[in-house]
Amino acid sequence: MIHTFAILLLFQTVGETIAYGLSLPVPGPVIGMLLLFCFLVARPSLAQRLAPTTLEFLKHLSLLFIPAGVGIMVHAQRVATEWLPILAALVISATVSLVVTALVLRGLQK
C-alpha cells in the first residue's frame, strides 16, 4: 500500500511541478491525474497494483468534503450575499457537465 501511495503522490508532485514551473492556469493535481491516466493507458498492468489503494481512498472520499463544508459555514454571510452568482455557477457547470457527458456517451456508442 505504501508503494502505490508513493506512486500516486509522485504523479501529483510531478503535476504540481509542471503547473508551477510553466505557470499554467490548471491545478497541479489535475495535471498529475492526467499524467497518471496516460501512464495507466500505456501500462494497464499498473492499474491492478493501484486498485487496492485507490479503493481504500474512495471509501474515505467523504472526508474531502469536510473542508468545503467548514468553508461554507465560516463564510455563511458572504454566501448569503452572493447566492445568485453561486447558484448561476452551479447551474451552468452542472448543465455543461451533463451536455458534455451526453456528447461523449453518444460518441462512444457509435
PDB file of N, CA and C in Angstrom:
ATOM      1  N   MET A   1       0.820  -1.189   0.000  1.00  0.00           N
ATOM      2  CA  MET A   1       0.000   0.000   0.000  1.00  0.00           C
ATOM      3  C   MET A   1       0.865   1.253   0.000  1.00  0.00           C
ATOM      4  N   ILE A   2       1.975   1.235   0.695  1.00  0.00           N
ATOM      5  CA  ILE A   2       2.860   2.400   0.740  1.00  0.00           C
ATOM      6  C   ILE A   2       3.447   2.660  -0.645  1.00  0.00           C
ATOM      7  N   HIS A   3       3.809   1.601  -1.343  1.00  0.00           N
ATOM      8  CA  HIS A   3       4.401   1.756  -2.674  1.00  0.00           C
ATOM      9  C   HIS A   3       3.409   2.403  -3.631  1.00  0.00           C
ATOM     10  N   THR A   4       2.170   1.942  -3.616  1.00  0.00           N
ATOM     11  CA  THR A   4       1.175   2.513  -4.525  1.00  0.00           C
ATOM     12  C   THR A   4       0.806   3.936  -4.119  1.00  0.00           C
ATOM     13  N   PHE A   5       0.780   4.205  -2.815  1.00  0.00           N
ATOM     14  CA  PHE A   5       0.538   5.569  -2.346  1.00  0.00           C
ATOM     15  C   PHE A   5       1.655   6.493  -2.816  1.00  0.00           C
ATOM     16  N   ALA A   6       2.883   6.000  -2.792  1.00  0.00           N
ATOM     17  CA  ALA A   6       4.019   6.791  -3.276  1.00  0.00           C
ATOM     18  C   ALA A   6       3.891   7.081  -4.770  1.00  0.00           C
ATOM     19  N   ILE A   7       3.377   6.132  -5.530  1.00  0.00           N
ATOM     20  CA  ILE A   7       3.178   6.356  -6.969  1.00  0.00           C
ATOM     21  C   ILE A   7       2.151   7.463  -7.191  1.00  0.00           C
ATOM     22  N   LEU A   8       1.050   7.420  -6.448  1.00  0.00           N
ATOM     23  CA  LEU A   8       0.026   8.455  -6.577  1.00  0.00           C
ATOM     24  C   LEU A   8       0.577   9.828  -6.193  1.00  0.00           C
ATOM     25  N   LEU A   9       1.345   9.875  -5.111  1.00  0.00           N
ATOM     26  CA  LEU A   9       1.949  11.143  -4.696  1.00  0.00           C
ATOM     27  C   LEU A   9       2.982  11.639  -5.701  1.00  0.00           C
ATOM     28  N   LEU A  10       3.693  10.718  -6.318  1.00  0.00           N
ATOM     29  CA  LEU A  10       4.671  11.095  -7.334  1.00  0.00           C
ATOM     30  C   LEU A  10       3.987  11.807  -8.500  1.00  0.00           C
ATOM     31  N   PHE A  11       2.878  11.249  -8.975  1.00  0.00           N
ATOM     32  CA  PHE A  11       2.171  11.882 -10.087  1.00  0.00           C
ATOM     33  C   PHE A  11       1.613  13.245  -9.685  1.00  0.00           C
ATOM     34  N   GLN A  12       1.128  13.370  -8.463  1.00  0.00           N
ATOM     35  CA  GLN A  12       0.635  14.668  -8.019  1.00  0.00           C
ATOM     36  C   GLN A  12       1.776  15.674  -7.922  1.00  0.00           C
ATOM     37  N   THR A  13       2.914  15.243  -7.421  1.00  0.00           N
ATOM     38  CA  THR A  13       4.065  16.137  -7.309  1.00  0.00           C
ATOM     39  C   THR A  13       4.562  16.569  -8.678  1.00  0.00           C
ATOM     40  N   VAL A  14       4.618  15.645  -9.621  1.00  0.00           N
ATOM     41  CA  VAL A  14       5.035  15.992 -10.985  1.00  0.00           C
ATOM     42  C   VAL A  14       4.043  16.985 -11.587  1.00  0.00           C
ATOM     43  N   GLY A  15       2.757  16.764 -11.366  1.00  0.00           N
ATOM     44  CA  GLY A  15       1.751  17.696 -11.865  1.00  0.00           C
ATOM     45  C   GLY A  15       1.904  19.077 -11.255  1.00  0.00           C
ATOM     46  N   GLU A  16       2.140  19.132  -9.950  1.00  0.00           N
ATOM     47  CA  GLU A  16       2.361  20.418  -9.282  1.00  0.00           C
ATOM     48  C   GLU A  16       3.602  21.116  -9.828  1.00  0.00           C
ATOM     49  N   THR A  17       4.660  20.349 -10.046  1.00  0.00           N
ATOM     50  CA  THR A  17       5.902  20.917 -10.570  1.00  0.00           C
ATOM     51  C   THR A  17       5.692  21.490 -11.961  1.00  0.00           C
ATOM     52  N   ILE A  18       4.984  20.758 -12.808  1.00  0.00           N
ATOM     53  CA  ILE A  18       4.718  21.242 -14.167  1.00  0.00           C
ATOM     54  C   ILE A  18       3.853  22.499 -14.124  1.00  0.00           C
ATOM     55  N   ALA A  19       2.799  22.481 -13.321  1.00  0.00           N
ATOM     56  CA  ALA A  19       1.903  23.635 -13.233  1.00  0.00           C
ATOM     57  C   ALA A  19       2.640  24.863 -12.711  1.00  0.00           C
ATOM     58  N   TYR A  20       3.466  24.671 -11.692  1.00  0.00           N
ATOM     59  CA  TYR A  20       4.203  25.792 -11.114  1.00  0.00           C
ATOM     60  C   TYR A  20       5.321  26.257 -12.043  1.00  0.00           C
ATOM     61  N   GLY A  21       6.053  25.308 -12.603  1.00  0.00           N
ATOM     62  CA  GLY A  21       7.192  25.648 -13.457  1.00  0.00           C
ATOM     63  C   GLY A  21       6.797  26.344 -14.742  1.00  0.00           C
ATOM     64  N   LEU A  22       5.659  25.954 -15.308  1.00  0.00           N
ATOM     65  CA  LEU A  22       5.204  26.559 -16.562  1.00  0.00           C
ATOM     66  C   LEU A  22       4.151  27.638 -16.342  1.00  0.00           C
ATOM     67  N   SER A  23       3.836  27.941 -15.092  1.00  0.00           N
ATOM     68  CA  SER A  23       2.818  28.944 -14.735  1.00  0.00           C
ATOM     69  C   SER A  23       1.496  28.674 -15.444  1.00  0.00           C
ATOM     70  N   LEU A  24       1.071  27.429 -15.415  1.00  0.00           N
ATOM     71  CA  LEU A  24      -0.179  27.043 -16.069  1.00  0.00           C
ATOM     72  C   LEU A  24      -1.376  27.403 -15.189  1.00  0.00           C
ATOM     73  N   PRO A  25      -2.498  27.750 -15.810  1.00  0.00           N
ATOM     74  CA  PRO A  25      -3.690  28.068 -15.012  1.00  0.00           C
ATOM     75  C   PRO A  25      -4.422  26.822 -14.516  1.00  0.00           C
ATOM     76  N   VAL A  26      -3.932  25.653 -14.896  1.00  0.00           N
ATOM     77  CA  VAL A  26      -4.551  24.385 -14.495  1.00  0.00           C
ATOM     78  C   VAL A  26      -3.912  23.928 -13.183  1.00  0.00           C
ATOM     79  N   PRO A  27      -4.712  23.470 -12.213  1.00  0.00           N
ATOM     80  CA  PRO A  27      -4.136  23.000 -10.948  1.00  0.00           C
ATOM     81  C   PRO A  27      -3.212  21.801 -11.146  1.00  0.00           C
ATOM     82  N   GLY A  28      -2.179  21.738 -10.348  1.00  0.00           N
ATOM     83  CA  GLY A  28      -1.211  20.654 -10.424  1.00  0.00           C
ATOM     84  C   GLY A  28      -1.804  19.264 -10.274  1.00  0.00           C
ATOM     85  N   PRO A  29      -2.728  19.057  -9.308  1.00  0.00           N
ATOM     86  CA  PRO A  29      -3.321  17.725  -9.184  1.00  0.00           C
ATOM     87  C   PRO A  29      -4.083  17.282 -10.434  1.00  0.00           C
ATOM     88  N   VAL A  30      -4.669  18.226 -11.160  1.00  0.00           N
ATOM     89  CA  VAL A  30      -5.369  17.865 -12.398  1.00  0.00           C
ATOM     90  C   VAL A  30      -4.362  17.384 -13.437  1.00  0.00           C
ATOM     91  N   ILE A  31      -3.246  18.075 -13.540  1.00  0.00           N
ATOM     92  CA  ILE A  31      -2.190  17.656 -14.469  1.00  0.00           C
ATOM     93  C   ILE A  31      -1.639  16.296 -14.045  1.00  0.00           C
ATOM     94  N   GLY A  32      -1.447  16.110 -12.739  1.00  0.00           N
ATOM     95  CA  GLY A  32      -0.965  14.829 -12.236  1.00  0.00           C
ATOM     96  C   GLY A  32      -1.921  13.691 -12.546  1.00  0.00           C
ATOM     97  N   MET A  33      -3.218  13.938 -12.399  1.00  0.00           N
ATOM     98  CA  MET A  33      -4.203  12.900 -12.723  1.00  0.00           C
ATOM     99  C   MET A  33      -4.209  12.594 -14.212  1.00  0.00           C
ATOM    100  N   LEU A  34      -4.033  13.617 -15.038  1.00  0.00           N
ATOM    101  CA  LEU A  34      -3.965  13.399 -16.484  1.00  0.00           C
ATOM    102  C   LEU A  34      -2.734  12.569 -16.842  1.00  0.00           C
ATOM    103  N   LEU A  35      -1.609  12.879 -16.213  1.00  0.00           N
ATOM    104  CA  LEU A  35      -0.396  12.095 -16.445  1.00  0.00           C
ATOM    105  C   LEU A  35      -0.577  10.649 -15.967  1.00  0.00           C
ATOM    106  N   LEU A  36      -1.206  10.484 -14.809  1.00  0.00           N
ATOM    107  CA  LEU A  36      -1.470   9.136 -14.297  1.00  0.00           C
ATOM    108  C   LEU A  36      -2.379   8.370 -15.249  1.00  0.00           C
ATOM    109  N   PHE A  37      -3.406   9.038 -15.775  1.00  0.00           N
ATOM    110  CA  PHE A  37      -4.303   8.389 -16.730  1.00  0.00           C
ATOM    111  C   PHE A  37      -3.539   7.930 -17.964  1.00  0.00           C
ATOM    112  N   CYS A  38      -2.694   8.812 -18.508  1.00  0.00           N
ATOM    113  CA  CYS A  38      -1.908   8.446 -19.695  1.00  0.00           C
ATOM    114  C   CYS A  38      -0.983   7.271 -19.392  1.00  0.00           C
ATOM    115  N   PHE A  39      -0.378   7.282 -18.211  1.00  0.00           N
ATOM    116  CA  PHE A  39       0.515   6.201 -17.822  1.00  0.00           C
ATOM    117  C   PHE A  39      -0.250   4.888 -17.673  1.00  0.00           C
ATOM    118  N   LEU A  40      -1.462   4.955 -17.116  1.00  0.00           N
ATOM    119  CA  LEU A  40      -2.263   3.742 -16.958  1.00  0.00           C
ATOM    120  C   LEU A  40      -2.749   3.209 -18.297  1.00  0.00           C
ATOM    121  N   VAL A  41      -2.998   4.098 -19.251  1.00  0.00           N
ATOM    122  CA  VAL A  41      -3.372   3.644 -20.594  1.00  0.00           C
ATOM    123  C   VAL A  41      -2.184   2.948 -21.245  1.00  0.00           C
ATOM    124  N   ALA A  42      -0.988   3.491 -21.032  1.00  0.00           N
ATOM    125  CA  ALA A  42       0.216   2.907 -21.624  1.00  0.00           C
ATOM    126  C   ALA A  42       0.610   1.599 -20.930  1.00  0.00           C
ATOM    127  N   ARG A  43       0.388   1.518 -19.615  1.00  0.00           N
ATOM    128  CA  ARG A  43       0.752   0.318 -18.850  1.00  0.00           C
ATOM    129  C   ARG A  43      -0.431  -0.144 -18.010  1.00  0.00           C
ATOM    130  N   PRO A  44      -1.363  -0.874 -18.599  1.00  0.00           N
ATOM    131  CA  PRO A  44      -2.559  -1.303 -17.861  1.00  0.00           C
ATOM    132  C   PRO A  44      -2.262  -2.201 -16.661  1.00  0.00           C
ATOM    133  N   SER A  45      -1.126  -2.855 -16.650  1.00  0.00           N
ATOM    134  CA  SER A  45      -0.807  -3.742 -15.524  1.00  0.00           C
ATOM    135  C   SER A  45      -0.663  -2.964 -14.219  1.00  0.00           C
ATOM    136  N   LEU A  46      -0.304  -1.695 -14.315  1.00  0.00           N
ATOM    137  CA  LEU A  46      -0.157  -0.880 -13.110  1.00  0.00           C
ATOM    138  C   LEU A  46      -1.508  -0.624 -12.443  1.00  0.00           C
ATOM    139  N   ALA A  47      -2.571  -0.634 -13.219  1.00  0.00           N
ATOM    140  CA  ALA A  47      -3.907  -0.378 -12.664  1.00  0.00           C
ATOM    141  C   ALA A  47      -4.275  -1.415 -11.609  1.00  0.00           C
ATOM    142  N   GLN A  48      -3.915  -2.679 -11.837  1.00  0.00           N
ATOM    143  CA  GLN A  48      -4.237  -3.715 -10.856  1.00  0.00           C
ATOM    144  C   GLN A  48      -3.451  -3.522  -9.563  1.00  0.00           C
ATOM    145  N   ARG A  49      -2.241  -2.988  -9.672  1.00  0.00           N
ATOM    146  CA  ARG A  49      -1.440  -2.745  -8.466  1.00  0.00           C
ATOM    147  C   ARG A  49      -1.959  -1.541  -7.684  1.00  0.00           C
ATOM    148  N   LEU A  50      -2.518  -0.556  -8.395  1.00  0.00           N
ATOM    149  CA  LEU A  50      -3.022   0.643  -7.728  1.00  0.00           C
ATOM    150  C   LEU A  50      -4.434   0.461  -7.181  1.00  0.00           C
ATOM    151  N   ALA A  51      -5.168  -0.520  -7.690  1.00  0.00           N
ATOM    152  CA  ALA A  51      -6.581  -0.686  -7.343  1.00  0.00           C
ATOM    153  C   ALA A  51      -6.846  -0.799  -5.836  1.00  0.00           C
ATOM    154  N   PRO A  52      -6.141  -1.636  -5.082  1.00  0.00           N
ATOM    155  CA  PRO A  52      -6.468  -1.738  -3.650  1.00  0.00           C
ATOM    156  C   PRO A  52      -6.305  -0.414  -2.901  1.00  0.00           C
ATOM    157  N   THR A  53      -5.251   0.316  -3.205  1.00  0.00           N
ATOM    158  CA  THR A  53      -5.023   1.587  -2.517  1.00  0.00           C
ATOM    159  C   THR A  53      -6.072   2.607  -2.909  1.00  0.00           C
ATOM    160  N   THR A  54      -6.360   2.703  -4.198  1.00  0.00           N
ATOM    161  CA  THR A  54      -7.335   3.694  -4.641  1.00  0.00           C
ATOM    162  C   THR A  54      -8.731   3.361  -4.125  1.00  0.00           C
ATOM    163  N   LEU A  55      -9.066   2.084  -4.044  1.00  0.00           N
ATOM    164  CA  LEU A  55     -10.369   1.713  -3.488  1.00  0.00           C
ATOM    165  C   LEU A  55     -10.459   2.086  -2.010  1.00  0.00           C
ATOM    166  N   GLU A  56      -9.357   1.964  -1.306  1.00  0.00           N
ATOM    167  CA  GLU A  56      -9.328   2.361   0.101  1.00  0.00           C
ATOM    168  C   GLU A  56      -9.532   3.871   0.237  1.00  0.00           C
ATOM    169  N   PHE A  57      -8.926   4.642  -0.666  1.00  0.00           N
ATOM    170  CA  PHE A  57      -9.131   6.097  -0.662  1.00  0.00           C
ATOM    171  C   PHE A  57     -10.585   6.446  -0.965  1.00  0.00           C
ATOM    172  N   LEU A  58     -11.191   5.733  -1.887  1.00  0.00           N
ATOM    173  CA  LEU A  58     -12.581   6.014  -2.247  1.00  0.00           C
ATOM    174  C   LEU A  58     -13.538   5.752  -1.087  1.00  0.00           C
ATOM    175  N   LYS A  59     -13.178   4.819  -0.209  1.00  0.00           N
ATOM    176  CA  LYS A  59     -14.015   4.558   0.962  1.00  0.00           C
ATOM    177  C   LYS A  59     -14.086   5.783   1.869  1.00  0.00           C
ATOM    178  N   HIS A  60     -13.032   6.580   1.867  1.00  0.00           N
ATOM    179  CA  HIS A  60     -12.947   7.743   2.752  1.00  0.00           C
ATOM    180  C   HIS A  60     -13.061   9.058   1.983  1.00  0.00           C
ATOM    181  N   LEU A  61     -13.651   9.011   0.806  1.00  0.00           N
ATOM    182  CA  LEU A  61     -13.776  10.199  -0.036  1.00  0.00           C
ATOM    183  C   LEU A  61     -14.589  11.299   0.639  1.00  0.00           C
ATOM    184  N   SER A  62     -15.549  10.919   1.452  1.00  0.00           N
ATOM    185  CA  SER A  62     -16.398  11.923   2.100  1.00  0.00           C
ATOM    186  C   SER A  62     -15.601  12.857   3.005  1.00  0.00           C
ATOM    187  N   LEU A  63     -14.459  12.412   3.502  1.00  0.00           N
ATOM    188  CA  LEU A  63     -13.624  13.276   4.342  1.00  0.00           C
ATOM    189  C   LEU A  63     -13.121  14.500   3.584  1.00  0.00           C
ATOM    190  N   LEU A  64     -13.013  14.384   2.266  1.00  0.00           N
ATOM    191  CA  LEU A  64     -12.523  15.507   1.476  1.00  0.00           C
ATOM    192  C   LEU A  64     -13.545  16.633   1.386  1.00  0.00           C
ATOM    193  N   PHE A  65     -14.796  16.362   1.716  1.00  0.00           N
ATOM    194  CA  PHE A  65     -15.828  17.393   1.661  1.00  0.00           C
ATOM    195  C   PHE A  65     -15.918  18.193   2.958  1.00  0.00           C
ATOM    196  N   ILE A  66     -15.262  17.757   4.000  1.00  0.00           N
ATOM    197  CA  ILE A  66     -15.315  18.466   5.277  1.00  0.00           C
ATOM    198  C   ILE A  66     -14.745  19.877   5.158  1.00  0.00           C
ATOM    199  N   PRO A  67     -13.569  20.094   4.543  1.00  0.00           N
ATOM    200  CA  PRO A  67     -13.072  21.470   4.428  1.00  0.00           C
ATOM    201  C   PRO A  67     -14.025  22.385   3.651  1.00  0.00           C
ATOM    202  N   ALA A  68     -14.666  21.872   2.622  1.00  0.00           N
ATOM    203  CA  ALA A  68     -15.616  22.691   1.866  1.00  0.00           C
ATOM    204  C   ALA A  68     -16.813  23.061   2.734  1.00  0.00           C
ATOM    205  N   GLY A  69     -17.305  22.116   3.500  1.00  0.00           N
ATOM    206  CA  GLY A  69     -18.432  22.397   4.393  1.00  0.00           C
ATOM    207  C   GLY A  69     -18.074  23.409   5.467  1.00  0.00           C
ATOM    208  N   VAL A  70     -16.885  23.282   6.029  1.00  0.00           N
ATOM    209  CA  VAL A  70     -16.429  24.244   7.033  1.00  0.00           C
ATOM    210  C   VAL A  70     -16.268  25.621   6.399  1.00  0.00           C
ATOM    211  N   GLY A  71     -15.746  25.663   5.177  1.00  0.00           N
ATOM    212  CA  GLY A  71     -15.600  26.945   4.482  1.00  0.00           C
ATOM    213  C   GLY A  71     -16.930  27.625   4.253  1.00  0.00           C
ATOM    214  N   ILE A  72     -17.943  26.856   3.911  1.00  0.00           N
ATOM    215  CA  ILE A  72     -19.276  27.433   3.721  1.00  0.00           C
ATOM    216  C   ILE A  72     -19.816  27.961   5.047  1.00  0.00           C
ATOM    217  N   MET A  73     -19.585  27.221   6.131  1.00  0.00           N
ATOM    218  CA  MET A  73     -20.064  27.681   7.433  1.00  0.00           C
ATOM    219  C   MET A  73     -19.329  28.941   7.877  1.00  0.00           C
ATOM    220  N   VAL A  74     -18.026  28.998   7.642  1.00  0.00           N
ATOM    221  CA  VAL A  74     -17.245  30.160   8.057  1.00  0.00           C
ATOM    222  C   VAL A  74     -17.639  31.393   7.248  1.00  0.00           C
ATOM    223  N   HIS A  75     -17.916  31.201   5.973  1.00  0.00           N
ATOM    224  CA  HIS A  75     -18.249  32.320   5.093  1.00  0.00           C
ATOM    225  C   HIS A  75     -19.744  32.375   4.797  1.00  0.00           C
ATOM    226  N   ALA A  76     -20.572  32.017   5.762  1.00  0.00           N
ATOM    227  CA  ALA A  76     -22.022  31.980   5.559  1.00  0.00           C
ATOM    228  C   ALA A  76     -22.569  33.350   5.162  1.00  0.00           C
ATOM    229  N   GLN A  77     -22.055  34.409   5.754  1.00  0.00           N
ATOM    230  CA  GLN A  77     -22.524  35.757   5.420  1.00  0.00           C
ATOM    231  C   GLN A  77     -22.226  36.088   3.963  1.00  0.00           C
ATOM    232  N   ARG A  78     -21.045  35.752   3.517  1.00  0.00           N
ATOM    233  CA  ARG A  78     -20.676  36.020   2.120  1.00  0.00           C
ATOM    234  C   ARG A  78     -21.524  35.184   1.163  1.00  0.00           C
ATOM    235  N   VAL A  79     -21.756  33.920   1.516  1.00  0.00           N
ATOM    236  CA  VAL A  79     -22.609  33.063   0.690  1.00  0.00           C
ATOM    237  C   VAL A  79     -24.018  33.643   0.625  1.00  0.00           C
ATOM    238  N   ALA A  80     -24.505  34.181   1.743  1.00  0.00           N
ATOM    239  CA  ALA A  80     -25.845  34.764   1.773  1.00  0.00           C
ATOM    240  C   ALA A  80     -25.946  35.992   0.872  1.00  0.00           C
ATOM    241  N   THR A  81     -24.885  36.777   0.787  1.00  0.00           N
ATOM    242  CA  THR A  81     -24.939  37.979  -0.052  1.00  0.00           C
ATOM    243  C   THR A  81     -24.648  37.686  -1.518  1.00  0.00           C
ATOM    244  N   GLU A  82     -23.921  36.620  -1.798  1.00  0.00           N
ATOM    245  CA  GLU A  82     -23.552  36.304  -3.180  1.00  0.00           C
ATOM    246  C   GLU A  82     -24.191  35.000  -3.656  1.00  0.00           C
ATOM    247  N   TRP A  83     -25.400  34.721  -3.207  1.00  0.00           N
ATOM    248  CA  TRP A  83     -26.051  33.456  -3.541  1.00  0.00           C
ATOM    249  C   TRP A  83     -26.392  33.347  -5.015  1.00  0.00           C
ATOM    250  N   LEU A  84     -26.737  34.465  -5.661  1.00  0.00           N
ATOM    251  CA  LEU A  84     -27.143  34.388  -7.063  1.00  0.00           C
ATOM    252  C   LEU A  84     -25.982  33.989  -7.982  1.00  0.00           C
ATOM    253  N   PRO A  85     -24.799  34.624  -7.886  1.00  0.00           N
ATOM    254  CA  PRO A  85     -23.686  34.154  -8.727  1.00  0.00           C
ATOM    255  C   PRO A  85     -23.267  32.714  -8.419  1.00  0.00           C
ATOM    256  N   ILE A  86     -23.352  32.329  -7.161  1.00  0.00           N
ATOM    257  CA  ILE A  86     -23.009  30.952  -6.791  1.00  0.00           C
ATOM    258  C   ILE A  86     -23.999  29.983  -7.423  1.00  0.00           C
ATOM    259  N   LEU A  87     -25.283  30.304  -7.331  1.00  0.00           N
ATOM    260  CA  LEU A  87     -26.313  29.453  -7.927  1.00  0.00           C
ATOM    261  C   LEU A  87     -26.156  29.382  -9.443  1.00  0.00           C
ATOM    262  N   ALA A  88     -25.872  30.528 -10.068  1.00  0.00           N
ATOM    263  CA  ALA A  88     -25.682  30.545 -11.523  1.00  0.00           C
ATOM    264  C   ALA A  88     -24.494  29.676 -11.923  1.00  0.00           C
ATOM    265  N   ALA A  89     -23.395  29.787 -11.186  1.00  0.00           N
ATOM    266  CA  ALA A  89     -22.213  28.979 -11.496  1.00  0.00           C
ATOM    267  C   ALA A  89     -22.511  27.492 -11.340  1.00  0.00           C
ATOM    268  N   LEU A  90     -23.248  27.128 -10.307  1.00  0.00           N
ATOM    269  CA  LEU A  90     -23.598  25.719 -10.099  1.00  0.00           C
ATOM    270  C   LEU A  90     -24.496  25.191 -11.205  1.00  0.00           C
ATOM    271  N   VAL A  91     -25.503  25.974 -11.586  1.00  0.00           N
ATOM    272  CA  VAL A  91     -26.434  25.528 -12.631  1.00  0.00           C
ATOM    273  C   VAL A  91     -25.719  25.416 -13.971  1.00  0.00           C
ATOM    274  N   ILE A  92     -24.911  26.428 -14.303  1.00  0.00           N
ATOM    275  CA  ILE A  92     -24.195  26.412 -15.585  1.00  0.00           C
ATOM    276  C   ILE A  92     -23.202  25.253 -15.634  1.00  0.00           C
ATOM    277  N   SER A  93     -22.436  25.062 -14.570  1.00  0.00           N
ATOM    278  CA  SER A  93     -21.441  23.983 -14.587  1.00  0.00           C
ATOM    279  C   SER A  93     -22.112  22.611 -14.633  1.00  0.00           C
ATOM    280  N   ALA A  94     -23.221  22.449 -13.936  1.00  0.00           N
ATOM    281  CA  ALA A  94     -23.936  21.169 -13.990  1.00  0.00           C
ATOM    282  C   ALA A  94     -24.500  20.923 -15.385  1.00  0.00           C
ATOM    283  N   THR A  95     -25.030  21.972 -16.010  1.00  0.00           N
ATOM    284  CA  THR A  95     -25.570  21.835 -17.364  1.00  0.00           C
ATOM    285  C   THR A  95     -24.477  21.482 -18.357  1.00  0.00           C
ATOM    286  N   VAL A  96     -23.356  22.176 -18.273  1.00  0.00           N
ATOM    287  CA  VAL A  96     -22.234  21.884 -19.171  1.00  0.00           C
ATOM    288  C   VAL A  96     -21.747  20.454 -18.955  1.00  0.00           C
ATOM    289  N   SER A  97     -21.664  20.020 -17.712  1.00  0.00           N
ATOM    290  CA  SER A  97     -21.229  18.648 -17.425  1.00  0.00           C
ATOM    291  C   SER A  97     -22.179  17.622 -18.023  1.00  0.00           C
ATOM    292  N   LEU A  98     -23.467  17.862 -17.893  1.00  0.00           N
ATOM    293  CA  LEU A  98     -24.447  16.933 -18.459  1.00  0.00           C
ATOM    294  C   LEU A  98     -24.369  16.892 -19.979  1.00  0.00           C
ATOM    295  N   VAL A  99     -24.220  18.055 -20.610  1.00  0.00           N
ATOM    296  CA  VAL A  99     -24.146  18.107 -22.073  1.00  0.00           C
ATOM    297  C   VAL A  99     -22.889  17.397 -22.564  1.00  0.00           C
ATOM    298  N   VAL A 100     -21.754  17.678 -21.934  1.00  0.00           N
ATOM    299  CA  VAL A 100     -20.503  17.042 -22.349  1.00  0.00           C
ATOM    300  C   VAL A 100     -20.579  15.531 -22.133  1.00  0.00           C
ATOM    301  N   THR A 101     -21.140  15.103 -21.011  1.00  0.00           N
ATOM    302  CA  THR A 101     -21.292  13.669 -20.756  1.00  0.00           C
ATOM    303  C   THR A 101     -22.174  13.014 -21.810  1.00  0.00           C
ATOM    304  N   ALA A 102     -23.265  13.681 -22.177  1.00  0.00           N
ATOM    305  CA  ALA A 102     -24.156  13.134 -23.204  1.00  0.00           C
ATOM    306  C   ALA A 102     -23.448  13.042 -24.552  1.00  0.00           C
ATOM    307  N   LEU A 103     -22.668  14.064 -24.897  1.00  0.00           N
ATOM    308  CA  LEU A 103     -21.945  14.041 -26.170  1.00  0.00           C
ATOM    309  C   LEU A 103     -20.877  12.950 -26.189  1.00  0.00           C
ATOM    310  N   VAL A 104     -20.183  12.785 -25.088  1.00  0.00           N
ATOM    311  CA  VAL A 104     -19.169  11.727 -25.009  1.00  0.00           C
ATOM    312  C   VAL A 104     -19.835  10.358 -25.110  1.00  0.00           C
ATOM    313  N   LEU A 105     -20.949  10.180 -24.417  1.00  0.00           N
ATOM    314  CA  LEU A 105     -21.665   8.907 -24.482  1.00  0.00           C
ATOM    315  C   LEU A 105     -22.154   8.627 -25.899  1.00  0.00           C
ATOM    316  N   ARG A 106     -22.677   9.649 -26.555  1.00  0.00           N
ATOM    317  CA  ARG A 106     -23.133   9.473 -27.936  1.00  0.00           C
ATOM    318  C   ARG A 106     -21.965   9.094 -28.838  1.00  0.00           C
ATOM    319  N   GLY A 107     -20.821   9.747 -28.634  1.00  0.00           N
ATOM    320  CA  GLY A 107     -19.641   9.424 -29.433  1.00  0.00           C
ATOM    321  C   GLY A 107     -19.128   8.015 -29.187  1.00  0.00           C
ATOM    322  N   LEU A 108     -19.209   7.550 -27.949  1.00  0.00           N
ATOM    323  CA  LEU A 108     -18.734   6.208 -27.621  1.00  0.00           C
ATOM    324  C   LEU A 108     -19.683   5.121 -28.106  1.00  0.00           C
ATOM    325  N   GLN A 109     -20.951   5.437 -28.249  1.00  0.00           N
ATOM    326  CA  GLN A 109     -21.922   4.440 -28.683  1.00  0.00           C
ATOM    327  C   GLN A 109     -21.900   4.215 -30.185  1.00  0.00           C
ATOM    328  N   LYS A 110     -21.275   5.106 -30.929  1.00  0.00           N
ATOM    329  CA  LYS A 110     -21.230   4.951 -32.393  1.00  0.00           C
ATOM    330  C   LYS A 110     -20.247   3.898 -32.807  1.00  0.00           C
TER     331      LYS A 110
END
